């Protein structure tokens, strides 16, 4: 059943006739930033990019419910961690299919440019696969993962989606 569910979602997401020269960007962010992520998705699509977003972001967009706790059911029901595993694997596959990732990061938990553990894992996959890693906002030195993030040599775009910054070639 899980494989059927994954296959259904994968076949329905953003593989609709991508032009040969069209670059694909996977957006990565804390669930708290999905409303902003969806606005960035729209801008990038209008600029001609193929954009892959987390499944839950599309679910939030469809329902209009951006209340994070209503999606993170595993906090109250440990059996629901199976869903968390599915969501993680689903987005990892999108990163594999992408040419680059853009990490959407804002202020969270009193940390400017917050990047949490899950996004760090997504960045690590992109790094290992030698994909360009773009980060929307600076990551401060006090970030728990500052050393690891800087070691991946990301390109900080300072909130600027100008196309000239998106030189998406192999890292």
C-alpha atoms as a PDB file:
ATOM      1  CA  UNK A   1       0.000   0.000   0.000  1.00  0.00           C
ATOM      2  CA  UNK A   2       2.802   2.421   0.876  1.00  0.00           C
ATOM      3  CA  UNK A   3       4.465   1.841  -2.503  1.00  0.00           C
ATOM      4  CA  UNK A   4       1.145   2.508  -4.275  1.00  0.00           C
ATOM      5  CA  UNK A   5       0.672   5.707  -2.267  1.00  0.00           C
ATOM      6  CA  UNK A   6       4.210   6.879  -3.086  1.00  0.00           C
ATOM      7  CA  UNK A   7       3.777   6.007  -6.758  1.00  0.00           C
ATOM      8  CA  UNK A   8       0.507   7.936  -6.948  1.00  0.00           C
ATOM      9  CA  UNK A   9       2.026  11.053  -5.461  1.00  0.00           C
ATOM     10  CA  UNK A  10       5.191  10.852  -7.530  1.00  0.00           C
ATOM     11  CA  UNK A  11       3.261  10.476 -10.756  1.00  0.00           C
ATOM     12  CA  UNK A  12       1.127  13.511  -9.941  1.00  0.00           C
ATOM     13  CA  UNK A  13       3.904  15.934  -9.062  1.00  0.00           C
ATOM     14  CA  UNK A  14       5.569  18.362 -11.448  1.00  0.00           C
ATOM     15  CA  UNK A  15       6.757  16.005 -14.172  1.00  0.00           C
ATOM     16  CA  UNK A  16       4.316  17.462 -16.702  1.00  0.00           C
ATOM     17  CA  UNK A  17       6.255  17.898 -19.940  1.00  0.00           C
ATOM     18  CA  UNK A  18       9.409  19.567 -18.668  1.00  0.00           C
ATOM     19  CA  UNK A  19      11.305  21.207 -21.525  1.00  0.00           C
ATOM     20  CA  UNK A  20      14.765  19.750 -22.139  1.00  0.00           C
ATOM     21  CA  UNK A  21      16.552  22.969 -21.196  1.00  0.00           C
ATOM     22  CA  UNK A  22      14.206  23.870 -18.336  1.00  0.00           C
ATOM     23  CA  UNK A  23      15.993  23.741 -14.989  1.00  0.00           C
ATOM     24  CA  UNK A  24      14.335  22.008 -12.045  1.00  0.00           C
ATOM     25  CA  UNK A  25      14.601  23.461  -8.555  1.00  0.00           C
ATOM     26  CA  UNK A  26      13.461  21.618  -5.420  1.00  0.00           C
ATOM     27  CA  UNK A  27      12.362  23.959  -2.642  1.00  0.00           C
ATOM     28  CA  UNK A  28      13.260  22.956   0.913  1.00  0.00           C
ATOM     29  CA  UNK A  29      11.994  24.631   4.098  1.00  0.00           C
ATOM     30  CA  UNK A  30      10.716  24.176   7.578  1.00  0.00           C
ATOM     31  CA  UNK A  31       6.976  23.484   7.484  1.00  0.00           C
ATOM     32  CA  UNK A  32       6.505  26.837   9.240  1.00  0.00           C
ATOM     33  CA  UNK A  33       7.663  28.569   6.033  1.00  0.00           C
ATOM     34  CA  UNK A  34       5.447  26.735   3.524  1.00  0.00           C
ATOM     35  CA  UNK A  35       3.205  29.742   2.821  1.00  0.00           C
ATOM     36  CA  UNK A  36       6.282  31.745   1.795  1.00  0.00           C
ATOM     37  CA  UNK A  37       7.673  28.729  -0.064  1.00  0.00           C
ATOM     38  CA  UNK A  38       4.519  28.565  -2.197  1.00  0.00           C
ATOM     39  CA  UNK A  39       4.857  32.244  -3.131  1.00  0.00           C
ATOM     40  CA  UNK A  40       8.472  31.586  -4.178  1.00  0.00           C
ATOM     41  CA  UNK A  41       7.333  28.542  -6.165  1.00  0.00           C
ATOM     42  CA  UNK A  42       4.938  30.762  -8.115  1.00  0.00           C
ATOM     43  CA  UNK A  43       7.681  33.323  -8.893  1.00  0.00           C
ATOM     44  CA  UNK A  44      10.119  30.659 -10.053  1.00  0.00           C
ATOM     45  CA  UNK A  45       7.512  28.996 -12.269  1.00  0.00           C
ATOM     46  CA  UNK A  46       6.690  32.358 -13.828  1.00  0.00           C
ATOM     47  CA  UNK A  47      10.430  32.762 -14.511  1.00  0.00           C
ATOM     48  CA  UNK A  48      10.443  29.444 -16.400  1.00  0.00           C
ATOM     49  CA  UNK A  49      11.706  26.987 -13.814  1.00  0.00           C
ATOM     50  CA  UNK A  50      10.211  23.596 -13.095  1.00  0.00           C
ATOM     51  CA  UNK A  51       9.679  23.663  -9.320  1.00  0.00           C
ATOM     52  CA  UNK A  52       9.280  20.733  -6.932  1.00  0.00           C
ATOM     53  CA  UNK A  53       7.862  21.378  -3.470  1.00  0.00           C
ATOM     54  CA  UNK A  54       7.201  19.241  -0.397  1.00  0.00           C
ATOM     55  CA  UNK A  55       3.982  17.251  -0.489  1.00  0.00           C
ATOM     56  CA  UNK A  56       2.656  18.905   2.674  1.00  0.00           C
ATOM     57  CA  UNK A  57       3.103  22.374   1.137  1.00  0.00           C
ATOM     58  CA  UNK A  58       0.710  21.409  -1.665  1.00  0.00           C
ATOM     59  CA  UNK A  59      -1.663  19.862   0.868  1.00  0.00           C
ATOM     60  CA  UNK A  60      -1.630  23.121   2.858  1.00  0.00           C
ATOM     61  CA  UNK A  61      -2.258  25.108  -0.314  1.00  0.00           C
ATOM     62  CA  UNK A  62      -5.148  22.850  -1.317  1.00  0.00           C
ATOM     63  CA  UNK A  63      -6.857  23.037   2.093  1.00  0.00           C
ATOM     64  CA  UNK A  64      -5.896  26.602   2.988  1.00  0.00           C
ATOM     65  CA  UNK A  65      -4.773  25.286   6.383  1.00  0.00           C
ATOM     66  CA  UNK A  66      -1.225  26.394   7.210  1.00  0.00           C
ATOM     67  CA  UNK A  67      -1.414  25.403  10.895  1.00  0.00           C
ATOM     68  CA  UNK A  68       1.722  23.261  11.225  1.00  0.00           C
ATOM     69  CA  UNK A  69       0.569  21.238  14.241  1.00  0.00           C
ATOM     70  CA  UNK A  70      -2.402  19.843  12.305  1.00  0.00           C
ATOM     71  CA  UNK A  71       0.048  18.122   9.921  1.00  0.00           C
ATOM     72  CA  UNK A  72       2.670  16.934  12.396  1.00  0.00           C
ATOM     73  CA  UNK A  73       0.434  14.274  13.917  1.00  0.00           C
ATOM     74  CA  UNK A  74       3.411  12.134  14.966  1.00  0.00           C
ATOM     75  CA  UNK A  75       3.926  14.393  17.970  1.00  0.00           C
ATOM     76  CA  UNK A  76       0.742  12.951  19.457  1.00  0.00           C
ATOM     77  CA  UNK A  77       0.686   9.549  17.771  1.00  0.00           C
ATOM     78  CA  UNK A  78       4.040   7.775  17.404  1.00  0.00           C
ATOM     79  CA  UNK A  79       2.530   5.418  14.797  1.00  0.00           C
ATOM     80  CA  UNK A  80       2.228   8.475  12.537  1.00  0.00           C
ATOM     81  CA  UNK A  81       6.019   8.622  12.226  1.00  0.00           C
ATOM     82  CA  UNK A  82       5.422   6.306   9.249  1.00  0.00           C
ATOM     83  CA  UNK A  83       3.877   9.306   7.526  1.00  0.00           C
ATOM     84  CA  UNK A  84       6.889  11.442   8.446  1.00  0.00           C
ATOM     85  CA  UNK A  85       9.149   8.787   6.869  1.00  0.00           C
ATOM     86  CA  UNK A  86       7.024   8.779   3.726  1.00  0.00           C
ATOM     87  CA  UNK A  87       7.114  12.591   3.465  1.00  0.00           C
ATOM     88  CA  UNK A  88      10.882  12.671   3.930  1.00  0.00           C
ATOM     89  CA  UNK A  89      11.534   9.983   1.309  1.00  0.00           C
ATOM     90  CA  UNK A  90       9.104  11.650  -1.090  1.00  0.00           C
ATOM     91  CA  UNK A  91      10.969  14.947  -0.936  1.00  0.00           C
ATOM     92  CA  UNK A  92      14.378  13.268  -1.082  1.00  0.00           C
ATOM     93  CA  UNK A  93      13.292  11.771  -4.430  1.00  0.00           C
ATOM     94  CA  UNK A  94      12.398  15.252  -5.660  1.00  0.00           C
ATOM     95  CA  UNK A  95      15.865  16.478  -4.706  1.00  0.00           C
ATOM     96  CA  UNK A  96      17.385  13.628  -6.706  1.00  0.00           C
ATOM     97  CA  UNK A  97      15.332  14.720  -9.765  1.00  0.00           C
ATOM     98  CA  UNK A  98      16.253  18.385  -9.391  1.00  0.00           C
ATOM     99  CA  UNK A  99      19.134  20.378 -10.822  1.00  0.00           C
ATOM    100  CA  UNK A 100      19.456  22.453  -7.644  1.00  0.00           C
ATOM    101  CA  UNK A 101      17.738  23.171  -4.355  1.00  0.00           C
ATOM    102  CA  UNK A 102      16.636  26.458  -2.854  1.00  0.00           C
ATOM    103  CA  UNK A 103      16.404  26.496   0.921  1.00  0.00           C
ATOM    104  CA  UNK A 104      13.702  28.907   2.068  1.00  0.00           C
ATOM    105  CA  UNK A 105      14.703  30.134   5.524  1.00  0.00           C
ATOM    106  CA  UNK A 106      13.327  32.882   7.732  1.00  0.00           C
ATOM    107  CA  UNK A 107      13.189  33.664  11.469  1.00  0.00           C
ATOM    108  CA  UNK A 108      12.049  30.809  13.710  1.00  0.00           C
ATOM    109  CA  UNK A 109      12.734  30.039  17.400  1.00  0.00           C
ATOM    110  CA  UNK A 110      14.419  33.478  17.639  1.00  0.00           C
ATOM    111  CA  UNK A 111      16.976  32.404  15.028  1.00  0.00           C
ATOM    112  CA  UNK A 112      17.314  34.446  11.830  1.00  0.00           C
ATOM    113  CA  UNK A 113      17.694  32.279   8.733  1.00  0.00           C
ATOM    114  CA  UNK A 114      16.561  29.147  10.611  1.00  0.00           C
ATOM    115  CA  UNK A 115      17.453  25.773   9.103  1.00  0.00           C
ATOM    116  CA  UNK A 116      16.353  22.705  11.046  1.00  0.00           C
ATOM    117  CA  UNK A 117      17.456  19.101  11.050  1.00  0.00           C
ATOM    118  CA  UNK A 118      15.190  17.896   8.248  1.00  0.00           C
ATOM    119  CA  UNK A 119      16.277  20.660   5.856  1.00  0.00           C
ATOM    120  CA  UNK A 120      19.893  19.968   6.784  1.00  0.00           C
ATOM    121  CA  UNK A 121      19.352  16.346   5.683  1.00  0.00           C
ATOM    122  CA  UNK A 122      17.849  17.578   2.393  1.00  0.00           C
ATOM    123  CA  UNK A 123      20.850  19.841   1.888  1.00  0.00           C
ATOM    124  CA  UNK A 124      23.191  16.919   2.586  1.00  0.00           C
ATOM    125  CA  UNK A 125      21.526  14.866  -0.139  1.00  0.00           C
ATOM    126  CA  UNK A 126      21.891  17.724  -2.622  1.00  0.00           C
ATOM    127  CA  UNK A 127      25.501  18.234  -1.549  1.00  0.00           C
ATOM    128  CA  UNK A 128      26.326  14.540  -1.940  1.00  0.00           C
ATOM    129  CA  UNK A 129      24.736  14.537  -5.404  1.00  0.00           C
ATOM    130  CA  UNK A 130      26.751  17.649  -6.343  1.00  0.00           C
ATOM    131  CA  UNK A 131      23.720  19.847  -6.888  1.00  0.00           C
ATOM    132  CA  UNK A 132      23.815  23.588  -6.388  1.00  0.00           C
ATOM    133  CA  UNK A 133      22.484  24.677  -3.012  1.00  0.00           C
ATOM    134  CA  UNK A 134      20.924  28.125  -2.869  1.00  0.00           C
ATOM    135  CA  UNK A 135      19.833  29.592   0.465  1.00  0.00           C
ATOM    136  CA  UNK A 136      17.256  32.382   0.519  1.00  0.00           C
ATOM    137  CA  UNK A 137      18.578  34.246   3.600  1.00  0.00           C
ATOM    138  CA  UNK A 138      21.853  34.296   5.539  1.00  0.00           C
ATOM    139  CA  UNK A 139      22.471  31.677   8.201  1.00  0.00           C
ATOM    140  CA  UNK A 140      23.920  33.232  11.326  1.00  0.00           C
ATOM    141  CA  UNK A 141      27.027  31.847  13.007  1.00  0.00           C
ATOM    142  CA  UNK A 142      24.933  30.953  16.083  1.00  0.00           C
ATOM    143  CA  UNK A 143      22.957  28.398  14.026  1.00  0.00           C
ATOM    144  CA  UNK A 144      23.329  24.870  15.385  1.00  0.00           C
ATOM    145  CA  UNK A 145      24.424  23.681  11.945  1.00  0.00           C
ATOM    146  CA  UNK A 146      26.450  26.680  10.761  1.00  0.00           C
ATOM    147  CA  UNK A 147      29.666  24.707  10.264  1.00  0.00           C
ATOM    148  CA  UNK A 148      27.951  21.968   8.253  1.00  0.00           C
ATOM    149  CA  UNK A 149      25.949  24.444   6.165  1.00  0.00           C
ATOM    150  CA  UNK A 150      29.014  26.512   5.288  1.00  0.00           C
ATOM    151  CA  UNK A 151      30.942  23.340   4.445  1.00  0.00           C
ATOM    152  CA  UNK A 152      28.395  22.637   1.690  1.00  0.00           C
ATOM    153  CA  UNK A 153      29.410  25.953   0.080  1.00  0.00           C
ATOM    154  CA  UNK A 154      25.891  27.225  -0.562  1.00  0.00           C
ATOM    155  CA  UNK A 155      25.069  30.332  -2.544  1.00  0.00           C
ATOM    156  CA  UNK A 156      23.206  32.883  -0.427  1.00  0.00           C
ATOM    157  CA  UNK A 157      20.788  34.895  -2.569  1.00  0.00           C
ATOM    158  CA  UNK A 158      19.738  37.392   0.143  1.00  0.00           C
ATOM    159  CA  UNK A 159      16.044  37.032  -0.699  1.00  0.00           C
ATOM    160  CA  UNK A 160      16.695  37.967  -4.331  1.00  0.00           C
ATOM    161  CA  UNK A 161      15.182  35.681  -6.959  1.00  0.00           C
ATOM    162  CA  UNK A 162      16.808  37.453  -9.923  1.00  0.00           C
ATOM    163  CA  UNK A 163      17.598  34.889 -12.583  1.00  0.00           C
ATOM    164  CA  UNK A 164      21.245  35.910 -12.928  1.00  0.00           C
ATOM    165  CA  UNK A 165      21.837  34.534  -9.436  1.00  0.00           C
ATOM    166  CA  UNK A 166      20.470  31.159 -10.454  1.00  0.00           C
ATOM    167  CA  UNK A 167      23.417  29.785 -12.366  1.00  0.00           C
ATOM    168  CA  UNK A 168      22.361  26.181 -11.933  1.00  0.00           C
ATOM    169  CA  UNK A 169      25.183  23.934 -12.957  1.00  0.00           C
ATOM    170  CA  UNK A 170      26.744  20.997 -11.166  1.00  0.00           C
ATOM    171  CA  UNK A 171      28.392  22.008  -7.906  1.00  0.00           C
END
